[in-house]
N, C-alpha and C. Protein backbone atom coordinates (compact mmCIF):
# COMPACT_ATOMS: atom_id res chain seq x y z
N MET A 1 -31.66 24.26 55.84
CA MET A 1 -31.46 25.60 55.31
C MET A 1 -32.81 26.12 54.83
N PHE A 2 -33.05 27.42 55.03
CA PHE A 2 -34.35 28.00 54.72
C PHE A 2 -34.72 27.93 53.25
N ALA A 3 -33.73 27.93 52.36
CA ALA A 3 -34.03 28.01 50.92
C ALA A 3 -34.04 26.65 50.23
N ASP A 4 -33.82 25.57 50.95
CA ASP A 4 -33.73 24.25 50.32
C ASP A 4 -34.95 23.92 49.47
N ARG A 5 -36.12 24.11 50.02
CA ARG A 5 -37.34 23.75 49.29
C ARG A 5 -37.49 24.60 48.02
N TYR A 6 -37.23 25.89 48.13
CA TYR A 6 -37.31 26.78 46.97
C TYR A 6 -36.33 26.34 45.88
N ILE A 7 -35.10 26.06 46.29
CA ILE A 7 -34.07 25.67 45.33
C ILE A 7 -34.44 24.35 44.66
N GLN A 8 -34.90 23.38 45.43
CA GLN A 8 -35.29 22.09 44.86
C GLN A 8 -36.42 22.24 43.86
N LYS A 9 -37.32 23.15 44.13
CA LYS A 9 -38.48 23.34 43.27
C LYS A 9 -38.17 24.17 42.03
N ASN A 10 -37.23 25.11 42.13
CA ASN A 10 -37.01 26.09 41.07
C ASN A 10 -35.65 26.03 40.39
N ALA A 11 -34.78 25.13 40.79
CA ALA A 11 -33.45 25.07 40.18
C ALA A 11 -33.57 24.69 38.71
N VAL A 12 -32.86 25.43 37.87
CA VAL A 12 -32.86 25.17 36.43
C VAL A 12 -31.65 24.33 36.05
N TYR A 13 -30.54 24.55 36.74
CA TYR A 13 -29.29 23.86 36.46
C TYR A 13 -28.87 23.05 37.67
N PRO A 14 -28.04 22.04 37.46
CA PRO A 14 -27.52 21.29 38.61
C PRO A 14 -26.55 22.17 39.40
N ALA A 15 -26.26 21.75 40.61
CA ALA A 15 -25.34 22.50 41.47
C ALA A 15 -23.97 22.63 40.81
N PHE A 16 -23.36 23.79 40.95
CA PHE A 16 -22.03 24.03 40.39
C PHE A 16 -20.93 23.75 41.41
N ILE A 17 -21.27 23.77 42.67
CA ILE A 17 -20.28 23.60 43.74
C ILE A 17 -20.59 22.30 44.47
N ASP A 18 -19.62 21.40 44.45
CA ASP A 18 -19.82 20.09 45.09
C ASP A 18 -19.49 20.11 46.58
N ALA A 19 -18.63 21.01 46.99
CA ALA A 19 -18.17 21.02 48.38
C ALA A 19 -19.31 21.40 49.32
N GLY A 20 -19.32 20.76 50.47
CA GLY A 20 -20.32 21.09 51.48
C GLY A 20 -20.02 22.43 52.13
N VAL A 21 -20.99 22.96 52.82
CA VAL A 21 -20.85 24.24 53.50
C VAL A 21 -20.55 23.97 54.97
N SER A 22 -19.53 24.63 55.48
CA SER A 22 -19.17 24.48 56.88
C SER A 22 -20.30 25.00 57.77
N SER A 23 -20.55 24.31 58.84
CA SER A 23 -21.57 24.78 59.79
C SER A 23 -21.10 26.06 60.49
N LEU A 24 -19.81 26.38 60.37
CA LEU A 24 -19.25 27.59 60.98
C LEU A 24 -19.34 28.80 60.06
N LEU A 25 -19.76 28.61 58.81
CA LEU A 25 -19.83 29.70 57.85
C LEU A 25 -20.78 30.79 58.34
N SER A 26 -20.28 32.03 58.34
CA SER A 26 -21.14 33.12 58.79
C SER A 26 -21.13 34.32 57.85
N VAL A 27 -20.19 34.37 56.90
CA VAL A 27 -20.13 35.49 55.96
C VAL A 27 -19.97 34.94 54.55
N ILE A 28 -20.83 35.39 53.65
CA ILE A 28 -20.71 35.02 52.24
C ILE A 28 -20.63 36.31 51.43
N VAL A 29 -19.61 36.40 50.60
CA VAL A 29 -19.46 37.54 49.69
C VAL A 29 -19.79 37.02 48.30
N MET A 30 -20.83 37.56 47.69
CA MET A 30 -21.26 37.14 46.36
C MET A 30 -20.91 38.25 45.38
N ILE A 31 -20.11 37.91 44.37
CA ILE A 31 -19.67 38.91 43.40
C ILE A 31 -20.20 38.52 42.02
N PRO A 32 -21.18 39.27 41.49
CA PRO A 32 -21.61 39.02 40.11
C PRO A 32 -20.51 39.51 39.16
N CYS A 33 -20.25 38.75 38.12
CA CYS A 33 -19.12 39.04 37.24
C CYS A 33 -19.57 38.96 35.79
N LEU A 34 -19.84 40.09 35.20
CA LEU A 34 -20.23 40.18 33.80
C LEU A 34 -19.25 41.09 33.09
N ASN A 35 -18.35 40.49 32.31
CA ASN A 35 -17.38 41.27 31.53
C ASN A 35 -16.56 42.16 32.46
N GLU A 36 -16.01 41.56 33.51
CA GLU A 36 -15.26 42.29 34.54
C GLU A 36 -13.76 42.03 34.38
N PRO A 37 -13.04 42.96 33.75
CA PRO A 37 -11.62 42.72 33.51
C PRO A 37 -10.76 42.74 34.77
N GLU A 38 -11.26 43.27 35.87
CA GLU A 38 -10.44 43.40 37.08
C GLU A 38 -10.90 42.50 38.22
N ILE A 39 -11.56 41.41 37.91
CA ILE A 39 -12.07 40.53 38.97
C ILE A 39 -10.94 39.92 39.81
N ILE A 40 -9.83 39.59 39.18
CA ILE A 40 -8.71 39.02 39.94
C ILE A 40 -8.17 40.06 40.92
N GLN A 41 -8.07 41.31 40.49
CA GLN A 41 -7.62 42.37 41.39
C GLN A 41 -8.59 42.54 42.56
N THR A 42 -9.89 42.39 42.29
CA THR A 42 -10.88 42.46 43.36
C THR A 42 -10.65 41.36 44.39
N LEU A 43 -10.41 40.15 43.90
CA LEU A 43 -10.16 39.02 44.81
C LEU A 43 -8.85 39.21 45.56
N GLU A 44 -7.82 39.71 44.88
CA GLU A 44 -6.54 39.97 45.54
C GLU A 44 -6.73 41.00 46.66
N SER A 45 -7.56 41.98 46.40
CA SER A 45 -7.84 43.00 47.42
C SER A 45 -8.52 42.39 48.64
N LEU A 46 -9.51 41.54 48.39
CA LEU A 46 -10.18 40.86 49.51
C LEU A 46 -9.19 39.98 50.27
N TRP A 47 -8.35 39.27 49.54
CA TRP A 47 -7.39 38.35 50.15
C TRP A 47 -6.39 39.10 51.03
N SER A 48 -6.01 40.32 50.61
CA SER A 48 -5.00 41.06 51.35
C SER A 48 -5.59 41.93 52.47
N ALA A 49 -6.89 41.99 52.57
CA ALA A 49 -7.53 42.80 53.63
C ALA A 49 -7.26 42.19 55.00
N ASP A 50 -7.42 43.02 56.02
CA ASP A 50 -7.27 42.51 57.38
C ASP A 50 -8.29 41.40 57.60
N PRO A 51 -7.86 40.30 58.21
CA PRO A 51 -8.79 39.19 58.42
C PRO A 51 -9.92 39.57 59.38
N VAL A 52 -11.06 38.95 59.18
CA VAL A 52 -12.19 39.13 60.09
C VAL A 52 -12.30 37.88 60.96
N ASP A 53 -12.92 38.03 62.09
CA ASP A 53 -13.08 36.90 63.00
C ASP A 53 -14.37 36.16 62.65
N ALA A 54 -14.38 35.56 61.47
CA ALA A 54 -15.56 34.83 61.00
C ALA A 54 -15.14 33.87 59.89
N HIS A 55 -15.92 32.85 59.70
CA HIS A 55 -15.69 31.93 58.58
C HIS A 55 -16.38 32.52 57.36
N CYS A 56 -15.59 32.76 56.31
CA CYS A 56 -16.08 33.48 55.13
C CYS A 56 -15.97 32.61 53.88
N GLU A 57 -16.82 32.91 52.93
CA GLU A 57 -16.78 32.27 51.61
C GLU A 57 -17.02 33.36 50.57
N VAL A 58 -16.24 33.31 49.49
CA VAL A 58 -16.41 34.25 48.39
C VAL A 58 -16.86 33.46 47.17
N ILE A 59 -17.96 33.88 46.58
CA ILE A 59 -18.48 33.23 45.37
C ILE A 59 -18.50 34.26 44.26
N VAL A 60 -17.86 33.92 43.14
CA VAL A 60 -17.89 34.78 41.96
C VAL A 60 -18.80 34.12 40.94
N ALA A 61 -19.87 34.80 40.58
CA ALA A 61 -20.84 34.28 39.61
C ALA A 61 -20.55 34.91 38.24
N VAL A 62 -19.81 34.17 37.41
CA VAL A 62 -19.51 34.65 36.06
C VAL A 62 -20.74 34.36 35.20
N ASN A 63 -21.28 35.42 34.60
CA ASN A 63 -22.51 35.24 33.83
C ASN A 63 -22.58 36.21 32.68
N ASN A 64 -23.53 36.00 31.81
CA ASN A 64 -23.82 36.94 30.74
C ASN A 64 -25.30 36.86 30.43
N SER A 65 -25.79 37.89 29.77
CA SER A 65 -27.20 37.90 29.42
C SER A 65 -27.39 37.21 28.07
N GLU A 66 -28.63 36.93 27.74
CA GLU A 66 -28.92 36.34 26.43
C GLU A 66 -28.49 37.29 25.32
N ASN A 67 -28.45 38.59 25.61
CA ASN A 67 -28.11 39.59 24.60
C ASN A 67 -26.63 39.91 24.55
N SER A 68 -25.82 39.26 25.36
CA SER A 68 -24.39 39.54 25.35
C SER A 68 -23.79 39.17 24.00
N THR A 69 -22.81 39.94 23.60
CA THR A 69 -22.14 39.66 22.33
C THR A 69 -21.26 38.42 22.46
N ALA A 70 -20.88 37.88 21.34
CA ALA A 70 -19.97 36.73 21.35
C ALA A 70 -18.65 37.09 22.02
N ALA A 71 -18.19 38.32 21.84
CA ALA A 71 -16.94 38.77 22.46
C ALA A 71 -17.06 38.77 23.99
N VAL A 72 -18.18 39.23 24.51
CA VAL A 72 -18.39 39.24 25.96
C VAL A 72 -18.46 37.81 26.48
N LYS A 73 -19.16 36.94 25.79
CA LYS A 73 -19.26 35.54 26.22
C LYS A 73 -17.89 34.87 26.24
N GLU A 74 -17.07 35.13 25.23
CA GLU A 74 -15.72 34.56 25.20
C GLU A 74 -14.86 35.16 26.32
N PHE A 75 -14.99 36.46 26.55
CA PHE A 75 -14.25 37.09 27.63
C PHE A 75 -14.63 36.46 28.97
N ASN A 76 -15.91 36.21 29.17
CA ASN A 76 -16.38 35.57 30.40
C ASN A 76 -15.83 34.16 30.54
N ARG A 77 -15.76 33.41 29.44
CA ARG A 77 -15.18 32.06 29.50
C ARG A 77 -13.70 32.13 29.91
N ALA A 78 -12.98 33.10 29.33
CA ALA A 78 -11.57 33.29 29.69
C ALA A 78 -11.44 33.71 31.16
N THR A 79 -12.35 34.56 31.61
CA THR A 79 -12.35 34.99 33.01
C THR A 79 -12.57 33.79 33.92
N TRP A 80 -13.50 32.94 33.57
CA TRP A 80 -13.78 31.74 34.37
C TRP A 80 -12.53 30.87 34.48
N ARG A 81 -11.82 30.70 33.37
CA ARG A 81 -10.58 29.89 33.40
C ARG A 81 -9.52 30.56 34.28
N ARG A 82 -9.40 31.89 34.18
CA ARG A 82 -8.45 32.62 35.03
C ARG A 82 -8.80 32.48 36.50
N LEU A 83 -10.09 32.51 36.81
CA LEU A 83 -10.51 32.35 38.20
C LEU A 83 -10.18 30.95 38.72
N LEU A 84 -10.37 29.95 37.89
CA LEU A 84 -10.01 28.59 38.31
C LEU A 84 -8.52 28.49 38.60
N ASP A 85 -7.70 29.11 37.74
CA ASP A 85 -6.25 29.10 37.95
C ASP A 85 -5.89 29.86 39.23
N TRP A 86 -6.54 31.00 39.46
CA TRP A 86 -6.25 31.82 40.63
C TRP A 86 -6.61 31.07 41.92
N ASN A 87 -7.70 30.36 41.87
CA ASN A 87 -8.17 29.63 43.05
C ASN A 87 -7.11 28.66 43.53
């Protein structure tokens, strides 16, 4: 993969996803999620869309800034748990 060397050199945290990537993967949808109350509805919308003729992966990156309030951080933790349940 083109980014392997960069990631190995610059990664701050260990990998969050243990599963390998299919060699057939051709579409990745990356959704940044900061205090997003409707993320499950977004995923439901993607799930119900007409299928595409490609191997797809959807990644939701739940995050917050250093300046996020405690309420936002807790909301994000709850969102992460809801996403795990939805998965």
